[in-house]
C-alpha atoms as a PDB file:
ATOM      1  CA  MET A   1       0.000   0.000   0.000  1.00  0.00           C
ATOM      2  CA  ALA A   2       1.348   3.419  -0.954  1.00  0.00           C
ATOM      3  CA  ILE A   3       1.775   5.913   1.873  1.00  0.00           C
ATOM      4  CA  LYS A   4       0.475   9.469   1.616  1.00  0.00           C
ATOM      5  CA  SER A   5       3.283  11.176   3.508  1.00  0.00           C
ATOM      6  CA  GLU A   6       6.845  10.365   4.502  1.00  0.00           C
ATOM      7  CA  THR A   7       5.882  11.033   8.126  1.00  0.00           C
ATOM      8  CA  GLU A   8       4.243   7.578   8.075  1.00  0.00           C
ATOM      9  CA  LEU A   9       7.728   6.074   7.862  1.00  0.00           C
ATOM     10  CA  TYR A  10       8.796   7.629  11.142  1.00  0.00           C
ATOM     11  CA  ALA A  11       6.989   5.417  13.671  1.00  0.00           C
ATOM     12  CA  PRO A  12       8.196   2.027  12.322  1.00  0.00           C
ATOM     13  CA  LEU A  13      11.742   3.358  11.829  1.00  0.00           C
ATOM     14  CA  LYS A  14      11.802   4.818  15.336  1.00  0.00           C
ATOM     15  CA  LYS A  15      10.672   1.502  16.789  1.00  0.00           C
ATOM     16  CA  TYR A  16      13.243  -0.430  14.747  1.00  0.00           C
ATOM     17  CA  PHE A  17      16.240   1.698  15.713  1.00  0.00           C
ATOM     18  CA  GLU A  18      15.159   1.885  19.339  1.00  0.00           C
ATOM     19  CA  GLY A  19      15.337  -1.899  19.205  1.00  0.00           C
ATOM     20  CA  GLN A  20      18.955  -1.453  18.102  1.00  0.00           C
ATOM     21  CA  GLY A  21      19.741   0.453  21.290  1.00  0.00           C
ATOM     22  CA  TYR A  22      19.291   4.012  20.050  1.00  0.00           C
ATOM     23  CA  GLN A  23      17.426   6.840  21.721  1.00  0.00           C
ATOM     24  CA  VAL A  24      15.526   8.385  18.826  1.00  0.00           C
ATOM     25  CA  LYS A  25      14.139  11.869  18.219  1.00  0.00           C
ATOM     26  CA  GLY A  26      12.623  13.404  15.111  1.00  0.00           C
ATOM     27  CA  GLU A  27      13.421  16.602  13.221  1.00  0.00           C
ATOM     28  CA  VAL A  28      16.682  17.524  14.931  1.00  0.00           C
ATOM     29  CA  ARG A  29      18.393  20.372  13.084  1.00  0.00           C
ATOM     30  CA  SER A  30      16.660  19.459   9.810  1.00  0.00           C
ATOM     31  CA  CYS A  31      17.492  15.736  10.078  1.00  0.00           C
ATOM     32  CA  ASP A  32      14.363  13.588   9.808  1.00  0.00           C
ATOM     33  CA  LEU A  33      15.473  11.087  12.451  1.00  0.00           C
ATOM     34  CA  VAL A  34      18.444  11.174  14.797  1.00  0.00           C
ATOM     35  CA  GLY A  35      19.516   8.371  17.110  1.00  0.00           C
ATOM     36  CA  VAL A  36      22.126   8.392  19.870  1.00  0.00           C
ATOM     37  CA  ARG A  37      23.650   5.529  21.840  1.00  0.00           C
ATOM     38  CA  GLU A  38      25.238   5.917  25.261  1.00  0.00           C
ATOM     39  CA  THR A  39      28.427   4.271  24.032  1.00  0.00           C
ATOM     40  CA  GLY A  40      29.699   7.486  22.458  1.00  0.00           C
ATOM     41  CA  GLU A  41      29.307   6.270  18.882  1.00  0.00           C
ATOM     42  CA  PRO A  42      28.636   8.785  16.080  1.00  0.00           C
ATOM     43  CA  PRO A  43      24.967   9.762  15.862  1.00  0.00           C
ATOM     44  CA  LEU A  44      22.587   7.865  13.616  1.00  0.00           C
ATOM     45  CA  ILE A  45      20.901   9.983  10.932  1.00  0.00           C
ATOM     46  CA  VAL A  46      18.015   8.801   8.760  1.00  0.00           C
ATOM     47  CA  GLU A  47      16.548  10.781   5.878  1.00  0.00           C
ATOM     48  CA  MET A  48      13.142   9.690   4.636  1.00  0.00           C
ATOM     49  CA  LYS A  49      11.189   9.994   1.416  1.00  0.00           C
ATOM     50  CA  LYS A  50       8.140   8.237   0.015  1.00  0.00           C
ATOM     51  CA  SER A  51      10.258   6.904  -2.817  1.00  0.00           C
ATOM     52  CA  PHE A  52      13.916   6.835  -3.807  1.00  0.00           C
ATOM     53  CA  ASN A  53      14.889   9.943  -5.771  1.00  0.00           C
ATOM     54  CA  LEU A  54      17.804  12.272  -6.442  1.00  0.00           C
ATOM     55  CA  PRO A  55      16.915  14.841  -3.712  1.00  0.00           C
ATOM     56  CA  LEU A  56      16.987  12.037  -1.129  1.00  0.00           C
ATOM     57  CA  LEU A  57      20.374  10.855  -2.386  1.00  0.00           C
ATOM     58  CA  LEU A  58      21.845  14.363  -2.288  1.00  0.00           C
ATOM     59  CA  GLN A  59      20.408  14.880   1.195  1.00  0.00           C
ATOM     60  CA  GLY A  60      22.057  11.701   2.401  1.00  0.00           C
ATOM     61  CA  VAL A  61      25.445  12.723   0.989  1.00  0.00           C
ATOM     62  CA  GLU A  62      25.126  16.081   2.749  1.00  0.00           C
ATOM     63  CA  ARG A  63      24.377  14.351   6.066  1.00  0.00           C
ATOM     64  CA  LEU A  64      27.625  12.402   5.768  1.00  0.00           C
ATOM     65  CA  LYS A  65      29.328  15.657   6.749  1.00  0.00           C
ATOM     66  CA  LEU A  66      27.729  15.207  10.178  1.00  0.00           C
ATOM     67  CA  SER A  67      28.108  11.487  10.767  1.00  0.00           C
ATOM     68  CA  PRO A  68      29.318   8.324   9.003  1.00  0.00           C
ATOM     69  CA  VAL A  69      26.107   6.525  10.070  1.00  0.00           C
ATOM     70  CA  VAL A  70      23.527   7.773   7.574  1.00  0.00           C
ATOM     71  CA  TYR A  71      20.593   5.785   6.196  1.00  0.00           C
ATOM     72  CA  LEU A  72      18.168   6.590   3.410  1.00  0.00           C
ATOM     73  CA  ALA A  73      14.673   5.270   4.128  1.00  0.00           C
ATOM     74  CA  VAL A  74      11.835   4.761   1.656  1.00  0.00           C
ATOM     75  CA  GLU A  75       8.654   2.760   1.346  1.00  0.00           C
ATOM     76  CA  ARG A  76       8.958  -0.544  -0.475  1.00  0.00           C
ATOM     77  CA  CYS A  77       5.758  -1.230  -2.352  1.00  0.00           C
ATOM     78  CA  ARG A  78       4.918  -4.862  -2.953  1.00  0.00           C
ATOM     79  CA  GLU A  79       3.415  -4.023  -6.310  1.00  0.00           C
ATOM     80  CA  LYS A  80       5.822  -4.581  -9.194  1.00  0.00           C
ATOM     81  CA  LYS A  81       5.415  -1.717 -11.630  1.00  0.00           C
ATOM     82  CA  GLY A  82       8.888  -1.585 -13.114  1.00  0.00           C
ATOM     83  CA  SER A  83       9.617   1.898 -11.747  1.00  0.00           C
ATOM     84  CA  ALA A  84      13.145   3.004 -10.955  1.00  0.00           C
ATOM     85  CA  SER A  85      12.440   2.802  -7.226  1.00  0.00           C
ATOM     86  CA  GLN A  86      11.902  -0.954  -7.556  1.00  0.00           C
ATOM     87  CA  ARG A  87      15.439  -1.613  -8.790  1.00  0.00           C
ATOM     88  CA  TRP A  88      16.581  -2.401  -5.290  1.00  0.00           C
ATOM     89  CA  GLY A  89      19.749  -4.260  -6.261  1.00  0.00           C
ATOM     90  CA  GLU A  90      21.132  -1.316  -8.206  1.00  0.00           C
ATOM     91  CA  LEU A  91      20.009   1.220  -5.616  1.00  0.00           C
ATOM     92  CA  THR A  92      21.627  -0.821  -2.837  1.00  0.00           C
ATOM     93  CA  ASP A  93      24.913  -0.954  -4.742  1.00  0.00           C
ATOM     94  CA  LEU A  94      24.785   2.799  -5.361  1.00  0.00           C
ATOM     95  CA  CYS A  95      24.258   3.534  -1.656  1.00  0.00           C
ATOM     96  CA  ARG A  96      27.137   1.244  -0.688  1.00  0.00           C
ATOM     97  CA  ARG A  97      29.470   3.037  -3.114  1.00  0.00           C
ATOM     98  CA  LEU A  98      28.554   6.357  -1.507  1.00  0.00           C
ATOM     99  CA  GLY A  99      28.887   5.047   2.043  1.00  0.00           C
ATOM    100  CA  LEU A 100      25.149   5.349   2.746  1.00  0.00           C
ATOM    101  CA  GLY A 101      22.815   2.849   4.341  1.00  0.00           C
ATOM    102  CA  LEU A 102      19.491   1.942   2.737  1.00  0.00           C
ATOM    103  CA  VAL A 103      16.407   0.801   4.622  1.00  0.00           C
ATOM    104  CA  THR A 104      12.923   0.071   3.316  1.00  0.00           C
ATOM    105  CA  VAL A 105       9.532  -0.131   5.030  1.00  0.00           C
ATOM    106  CA  VAL A 106       6.743  -2.385   3.757  1.00  0.00           C
ATOM    107  CA  PHE A 107       3.245  -1.500   4.953  1.00  0.00           C
ATOM    108  CA  TYR A 108       0.431  -4.027   5.289  1.00  0.00           C
ATOM    109  CA  LYS A 109      -3.281  -3.615   5.873  1.00  0.00           C
ATOM    110  CA  THR A 110      -3.599  -6.045   8.762  1.00  0.00           C
ATOM    111  CA  LYS A 111      -0.151  -6.376  10.321  1.00  0.00           C
ATOM    112  CA  ALA A 112       2.728  -4.236  11.511  1.00  0.00           C
ATOM    113  CA  PRO A 113       5.082  -2.632   8.968  1.00  0.00           C
ATOM    114  CA  LEU A 114       8.217  -4.549   8.025  1.00  0.00           C
ATOM    115  CA  VAL A 115      11.543  -2.705   8.249  1.00  0.00           C
ATOM    116  CA  GLU A 116      14.373  -4.197   6.203  1.00  0.00           C
ATOM    117  CA  VAL A 117      17.965  -2.940   5.982  1.00  0.00           C
ATOM    118  CA  LEU A 118      19.340  -3.470   2.468  1.00  0.00           C
ATOM    119  CA  ALA A 119      22.692  -1.746   3.013  1.00  0.00           C
ATOM    120  CA  GLU A 120      24.665  -0.688   6.058  1.00  0.00           C
ATOM    121  CA  PRO A 121      26.585   2.604   6.050  1.00  0.00           C
ATOM    122  CA  GLU A 122      30.232   1.958   5.274  1.00  0.00           C
ATOM    123  CA  GLU A 123      33.195   4.152   4.499  1.00  0.00           C
ATOM    124  CA  PRO A 124      33.753   4.087   0.722  1.00  0.00           C
ATOM    125  CA  ALA A 125      37.089   3.148  -0.768  1.00  0.00           C
ATOM    126  CA  SER A 126      37.660   6.740  -1.880  1.00  0.00           C
ATOM    127  CA  PRO A 127      39.558   9.155   0.409  1.00  0.00           C
ATOM    128  CA  ALA A 128      37.734   9.928   3.653  1.00  0.00           C
ATOM    129  CA  ARG A 129      35.343  12.851   3.339  1.00  0.00           C
ATOM    130  CA  ARG A 130      35.724  15.808   5.653  1.00  0.00           C
ATOM    131  CA  ARG A 131      33.259  16.049   8.512  1.00  0.00           C
ATOM    132  CA  SER A 132      32.348  19.094  10.523  1.00  0.00           C
ATOM    133  CA  GLY A 133      32.918  18.436  14.202  1.00  0.00           C
ATOM    134  CA  ARG A 134      31.234  21.724  15.084  1.00  0.00           C
ATOM    135  CA  ARG A 135      28.058  20.845  13.178  1.00  0.00           C
ATOM    136  CA  GLN A 136      27.931  17.392  14.730  1.00  0.00           C
ATOM    137  CA  GLU A 137      28.307  18.901  18.193  1.00  0.00           C
ATOM    138  CA  ARG A 138      25.413  21.278  17.478  1.00  0.00           C
ATOM    139  CA  LEU A 139      23.326  18.323  16.380  1.00  0.00           C
ATOM    140  CA  LEU A 140      24.115  16.385  19.567  1.00  0.00           C
ATOM    141  CA  TYR A 141      23.531  19.458  21.748  1.00  0.00           C
ATOM    142  CA  GLU A 142      20.075  19.991  20.257  1.00  0.00           C
ATOM    143  CA  PHE A 143      19.309  16.294  20.714  1.00  0.00           C
ATOM    144  CA  ARG A 144      20.362  16.210  24.366  1.00  0.00           C
ATOM    145  CA  GLU A 145      18.666  19.475  25.328  1.00  0.00           C
ATOM    146  CA  ARG A 146      15.242  18.156  24.305  1.00  0.00           C
ATOM    147  CA  SER A 147      13.392  16.418  27.116  1.00  0.00           C
ATOM    148  CA  GLY A 148      11.459  14.134  24.776  1.00  0.00           C
ATOM    149  CA  ASP A 149      10.499  13.314  21.194  1.00  0.00           C
ATOM    150  CA  TYR A 150       7.712  15.751  20.306  1.00  0.00           C
ATOM    151  CA  ASN A 151       8.237  15.944  16.519  1.00  0.00           C
ATOM    152  CA  THR A 152       7.415  13.473  13.764  1.00  0.00           C
ATOM    153  CA  GLY A 153      10.292  12.957  11.361  1.00  0.00           C
ATOM    154  CA  GLY A 154       9.581  14.157   7.846  1.00  0.00           C
ATOM    155  CA  SER A 155       7.219  16.918   8.966  1.00  0.00           C
ATOM    156  CA  THR A 156       7.020  20.063   6.856  1.00  0.00           C
ATOM    157  CA  ARG A 157       5.287  23.398   7.427  1.00  0.00           C
ATOM    158  CA  VAL A 158       4.643  22.679  11.089  1.00  0.00           C
ATOM    159  CA  LYS A 159       5.976  24.247  14.279  1.00  0.00           C
ATOM    160  CA  LEU A 160       8.768  22.099  15.658  1.00  0.00           C
ATOM    161  CA  VAL A 161       9.437  21.687  19.356  1.00  0.00           C
ATOM    162  CA  THR A 162      13.089  22.650  19.522  1.00  0.00           C
ATOM    163  CA  ALA A 163      15.253  22.777  22.640  1.00  0.00           C
ATOM    164  CA  TYR A 164      14.897  26.572  22.648  1.00  0.00           C
ATOM    165  CA  ARG A 165      11.107  26.388  22.442  1.00  0.00           C
ATOM    166  CA  GLU A 166      11.095  23.884  25.311  1.00  0.00           C
ATOM    167  CA  LYS A 167      13.122  26.225  27.501  1.00  0.00           C
ATOM    168  CA  ALA A 168      10.889  29.168  26.602  1.00  0.00           C
ATOM    169  CA  LEU A 169       7.859  27.064  27.556  1.00  0.00           C
ATOM    170  CA  ARG A 170       9.433  26.239  30.908  1.00  0.00           C
ATOM    171  CA  VAL A 171      10.033  29.930  31.578  1.00  0.00           C
ATOM    172  CA  ALA A 172       6.470  30.747  30.507  1.00  0.00           C
ATOM    173  CA  ALA A 173       5.058  28.032  32.770  1.00  0.00           C
ATOM    174  CA  ALA A 174       7.122  29.344  35.691  1.00  0.00           C
ATOM    175  CA  LEU A 175       5.912  32.882  35.003  1.00  0.00           C
ATOM    176  CA  GLU A 176       2.277  31.765  34.868  1.00  0.00           C
ATOM    177  CA  ALA A 177       2.670  29.899  38.169  1.00  0.00           C
ATOM    178  CA  ALA A 178       4.296  32.926  39.824  1.00  0.00           C
ATOM    179  CA  GLU A 179       1.511  35.233  38.640  1.00  0.00           C
ATOM    180  CA  ARG A 180      -1.141  32.795  39.840  1.00  0.00           C
ATOM    181  CA  GLU A 181       0.498  32.535  43.256  1.00  0.00           C
ATOM    182  CA  ALA A 182       0.787  36.314  43.521  1.00  0.00           C
ATOM    183  CA  ALA A 183      -2.923  36.687  42.702  1.00  0.00           C
ATOM    184  CA  LEU A 184      -3.860  34.134  45.374  1.00  0.00           C
ATOM    185  CA  THR A 185      -1.632  35.883  47.884  1.00  0.00           C
ATOM    186  CA  ALA A 186      -3.117  39.296  47.108  1.00  0.00           C
ATOM    187  CA  ALA A 187      -6.656  37.940  47.445  1.00  0.00           C
ATOM    188  CA  ALA A 188      -5.916  36.228  50.749  1.00  0.00           C
ATOM    189  CA  ALA A 189      -4.114  39.299  52.081  1.00  0.00           C
ATOM    190  CA  GLY A 190      -7.051  41.483  51.126  1.00  0.00           C
ATOM    191  CA  GLU A 191      -9.388  39.118  52.943  1.00  0.00           C
ATOM    192  CA  ALA A 192      -7.182  39.294  56.039  1.00  0.00           C
ATOM    193  CA  ALA A 193      -7.164  43.089  55.941  1.00  0.00           C
ATOM    194  CA  ALA A 194     -10.933  43.222  55.542  1.00  0.00           C
ATOM    195  CA  ALA A 195     -11.406  40.843  58.445  1.00  0.00           C
ATOM    196  CA  GLU A 196      -9.100  42.921  60.634  1.00  0.00           C
ATOM    197  CA  GLN A 197     -10.849  46.190  59.799  1.00  0.00           C
ATOM    198  CA  GLY A 198     -14.278  44.599  60.266  1.00  0.00           C
ATOM    199  CA  GLY A 199     -13.412  43.270  63.709  1.00  0.00           C
ATOM    200  CA  GLY A 200     -13.259  39.624  62.608  1.00  0.00           C
ATOM    201  CA  ARG A 201     -12.469  37.080  65.290  1.00  0.00           C
ATOM    202  CA  ASN A 202      -9.500  35.451  63.606  1.00  0.00           C
ATOM    203  CA  PRO A 203      -7.880  37.508  60.833  1.00  0.00           C
ATOM    204  CA  ALA A 204      -4.733  35.392  61.228  1.00  0.00           C
ATOM    205  CA  SER A 205      -6.501  32.474  59.535  1.00  0.00           C
ATOM    206  CA  ALA A 206      -6.543  34.419  56.274  1.00  0.00           C
ATOM    207  CA  THR A 207      -2.877  35.143  56.772  1.00  0.00           C
ATOM    208  CA  ARG A 208      -2.133  31.467  57.091  1.00  0.00           C
ATOM    209  CA  ARG A 209      -4.068  30.797  53.887  1.00  0.00           C
ATOM    210  CA  ALA A 210      -2.017  33.470  52.126  1.00  0.00           C
ATOM    211  CA  ARG A 211       1.248  31.965  53.275  1.00  0.00           C
ATOM    212  CA  ALA A 212       0.146  28.454  52.348  1.00  0.00           C
ATOM    213  CA  ALA A 213      -0.931  29.583  48.885  1.00  0.00           C
ATOM    214  CA  ALA A 214       2.374  31.200  47.907  1.00  0.00           C
ATOM    215  CA  PRO A 215       4.934  31.795  50.628  1.00  0.00           C
ATOM    216  CA  ALA A 216       7.594  32.977  48.192  1.00  0.00           C
ATOM    217  CA  ALA A 217       5.266  35.470  46.543  1.00  0.00           C
ATOM    218  CA  VAL A 218       4.172  37.312  49.710  1.00  0.00           C
ATOM    219  CA  PRO A 219       5.941  40.708  49.733  1.00  0.00           C
ATOM    220  CA  ALA A 220       7.186  42.229  52.949  1.00  0.00           C
ATOM    221  CA  GLY A 221       4.626  44.493  54.559  1.00  0.00           C
ATOM    222  CA  THR A 222       1.584  42.729  53.073  1.00  0.00           C
ATOM    223  CA  PRO A 223      -1.409  43.213  55.419  1.00  0.00           C
ATOM    224  CA  GLY A 224      -1.903  40.220  57.648  1.00  0.00           C
ATOM    225  CA  THR A 225       1.700  39.041  57.607  1.00  0.00           C
ATOM    226  CA  GLY A 226       2.581  40.314  61.045  1.00  0.00           C
ATOM    227  CA  ALA A 227       3.310  43.918  60.047  1.00  0.00           C
ATOM    228  CA  GLY A 228      -0.112  44.904  61.422  1.00  0.00           C
ATOM    229  CA  ARG A 229      -1.673  48.214  60.508  1.00  0.00           C
ATOM    230  CA  ALA A 230       1.692  49.592  59.486  1.00  0.00           C
ATOM    231  CA  GLY A 231       1.868  46.900  56.849  1.00  0.00           C
ATOM    232  CA  ALA A 232      -1.505  47.964  55.474  1.00  0.00           C
ATOM    233  CA  MET A 233       0.056  51.301  54.578  1.00  0.00           C
ATOM    234  CA  ALA A 234       2.998  49.675  52.751  1.00  0.00           C
ATOM    235  CA  LYS A 235       3.342  50.042  48.999  1.00  0.00           C
ATOM    236  CA  PRO A 236       1.783  47.257  46.920  1.00  0.00           C
ATOM    237  CA  ALA A 237       4.101  44.618  45.501  1.00  0.00           C
ATOM    238  CA  PRO A 238       5.531  45.569  42.079  1.00  0.00           C
ATOM    239  CA  GLU A 239       3.914  44.008  39.041  1.00  0.00           C
ATOM    240  CA  GLY A 240       5.710  41.237  37.158  1.00  0.00           C
ATOM    241  CA  VAL A 241       8.377  38.709  38.049  1.00  0.00           C
ATOM    242  CA  THR A 242      12.157  39.080  37.930  1.00  0.00           C
ATOM    243  CA  PRO A 243      14.406  36.981  35.650  1.00  0.00           C
ATOM    244  CA  ALA A 244      16.275  35.696  38.713  1.00  0.00           C
ATOM    245  CA  GLU A 245      13.055  34.335  40.208  1.00  0.00           C
ATOM    246  CA  LEU A 246      12.064  32.733  36.909  1.00  0.00           C
ATOM    247  CA  ARG A 247      15.521  31.204  36.538  1.00  0.00           C
ATOM    248  CA  ARG A 248      15.120  29.644  39.979  1.00  0.00           C
ATOM    249  CA  ARG A 249      11.585  28.413  39.310  1.00  0.00           C
ATOM    250  CA  SER A 250      12.128  27.087  35.775  1.00  0.00           C
ATOM    251  CA  GLY A 251      15.645  25.700  36.149  1.00  0.00           C
ATOM    252  CA  VAL A 252      16.598  27.404  32.860  1.00  0.00           C
ATOM    253  CA  PRO A 253      19.982  29.190  33.248  1.00  0.00           C
ATOM    254  CA  ALA A 254      19.305  31.365  30.179  1.00  0.00           C
ATOM    255  CA  ALA A 255      15.892  32.565  31.423  1.00  0.00           C
ATOM    256  CA  ALA A 256      16.956  36.235  31.340  1.00  0.00           C
ATOM    257  CA  ALA A 257      18.159  35.989  27.727  1.00  0.00           C
ATOM    258  CA  ILE A 258      14.924  34.254  26.687  1.00  0.00           C
ATOM    259  CA  LEU A 259      12.838  36.969  28.357  1.00  0.00           C
ATOM    260  CA  GLN A 260      14.831  39.769  26.752  1.00  0.00           C
ATOM    261  CA  ALA A 261      14.833  38.233  23.269  1.00  0.00           C
ATOM    262  CA  ASN A 262      11.097  37.418  23.498  1.00  0.00           C
ATOM    263  CA  TYR A 263      11.410  35.501  20.237  1.00  0.00           C
ATOM    264  CA  TYR A 264       7.840  34.137  20.322  1.00  0.00           C
ATOM    265  CA  GLY A 265       6.139  37.189  21.826  1.00  0.00           C
ATOM    266  CA  TRP A 266       5.199  35.330  25.009  1.00  0.00           C
ATOM    267  CA  PHE A 267       6.599  37.848  27.489  1.00  0.00           C
ATOM    268  CA  SER A 268       5.963  41.522  28.245  1.00  0.00           C
ATOM    269  CA  ARG A 269       8.419  43.783  30.076  1.00  0.00           C
ATOM    270  CA  VAL A 270       6.262  45.812  32.468  1.00  0.00           C
ATOM    271  CA  ALA A 271       9.079  47.468  34.414  1.00  0.00           C
ATOM    272  CA  ARG A 272      12.828  47.409  34.669  1.00  0.00           C
ATOM    273  CA  GLY A 273      13.761  43.776  35.240  1.00  0.00           C
ATOM    274  CA  ARG A 274      10.164  42.551  35.631  1.00  0.00           C
ATOM    275  CA  TYR A 275       8.046  40.542  33.180  1.00  0.00           C
ATOM    276  CA  CYS A 276       4.463  39.368  32.722  1.00  0.00           C
ATOM    277  CA  LEU A 277       3.006  36.657  30.497  1.00  0.00           C
ATOM    278  CA  THR A 278       1.160  37.763  27.366  1.00  0.00           C
ATOM    279  CA  ALA A 279      -1.990  36.277  25.872  1.00  0.00           C
ATOM    280  CA  ALA A 280       0.197  34.593  23.258  1.00  0.00           C
ATOM    281  CA  GLY A 281       2.221  32.995  26.044  1.00  0.00           C
ATOM    282  CA  ARG A 282      -0.875  31.621  27.747  1.00  0.00           C
ATOM    283  CA  ALA A 283      -2.108  30.268  24.420  1.00  0.00           C
ATOM    284  CA  ALA A 284       1.265  28.589  23.836  1.00  0.00           C
ATOM    285  CA  LEU A 285       1.078  26.842  27.209  1.00  0.00           C
ATOM    286  CA  LEU A 286      -2.261  25.369  26.140  1.00  0.00           C
ATOM    287  CA  GLU A 287      -1.019  24.497  22.648  1.00  0.00           C
ATOM    288  CA  TYR A 288       2.076  22.753  24.001  1.00  0.00           C
ATOM    289  CA  ALA A 289       0.490  21.391  27.170  1.00  0.00           C
ATOM    290  CA  ALA A 290       1.952  17.919  26.544  1.00  0.00           C
ATOM    291  CA  VAL A 291       5.462  19.356  26.395  1.00  0.00           C
ATOM    292  CA  SER A 292       4.996  21.421  29.557  1.00  0.00           C
ATOM    293  CA  VAL A 293       3.506  18.525  31.538  1.00  0.00           C
ATOM    294  CA  SER A 294       6.210  16.131  30.379  1.00  0.00           C
ATOM    295  CA  GLN A 295       8.918  18.607  31.345  1.00  0.00           C
ATOM    296  CA  SER A 296       7.362  19.126  34.793  1.00  0.00           C
ATOM    297  CA  LEU A 297       7.318  15.374  35.412  1.00  0.00           C
ATOM    298  CA  ALA A 298      10.945  15.104  34.309  1.00  0.00           C
ATOM    299  CA  ASP A 299      11.895  17.910  36.696  1.00  0.00           C
ATOM    300  CA  ARG A 300      10.090  16.171  39.563  1.00  0.00           C
ATOM    301  CA  GLU A 301      11.885  12.908  38.847  1.00  0.00           C
ATOM    302  CA  ARG A 302      15.245  14.677  38.850  1.00  0.00           C
ATOM    303  CA  GLY A 303      14.349  16.402  42.102  1.00  0.00           C
ATOM    304  CA  GLY A 304      13.325  13.088  43.658  1.00  0.00           C
ATOM    305  CA  GLU A 305      16.578  11.458  42.629  1.00  0.00           C
ATOM    306  CA  GLY A 306      18.530  14.268  44.200  1.00  0.00           C
END
């Protein structure tokens, strides 16, 4: 059966190479599929197309500048139509001469796809090609900085979850949480002040609720925090959250740079060194909720291990 998009190749290829001991992620620095082993081997790179063609071949040769382990992956249709893509013997020999691997995927209606490796990547007999260590390091950095595999290899014209976007989402989530805590604190403090002015029996109970809601967000001098009536006359807490606080909450060392660059328009600078979340930022947290939740769970696991 003929596939409609090359993205359909990603799931069976991911499963196959994970079975070979690789950790796999899709769409890493323009590579359809990237796999990394803990043994320190060169990264695995797979470029996918619905059928074997010249652009795929040229793409594979270009990827050899990053790693010697490069595969070309295409669908293998069971129907024999005499097309060039069915000349597997010749195509396999061509890939071997270029030092590329070749893998095919056969899809069935009632059973799992079959992944078959026709050629393994091997260094050709010609002089060794030059590889860019800097580009490979960038590839590996992007791979490692992502907390999970949120992209489907072969995707086009879609927003990719890059390592930078992940970090920006973590900062946005931390900012939203800080704003929510500050709002709860302000509401509880206002309730405590109203109870004190109205002669309530136990205004301290509202204070305890304020502290329980967000102890870190309660500013000094907030009514009901022990400053008494003098505290009621104190200036209100400044709007927004500082980069240092967001760096602490999110665990992102570059939080300040992300806030200042504001690449996605998620943050608004409301005062010197203080930021609020924009409507676009709140929408992004909903759009990428799976990424945010996954990252929070990963952070909790790391905190538990420590």
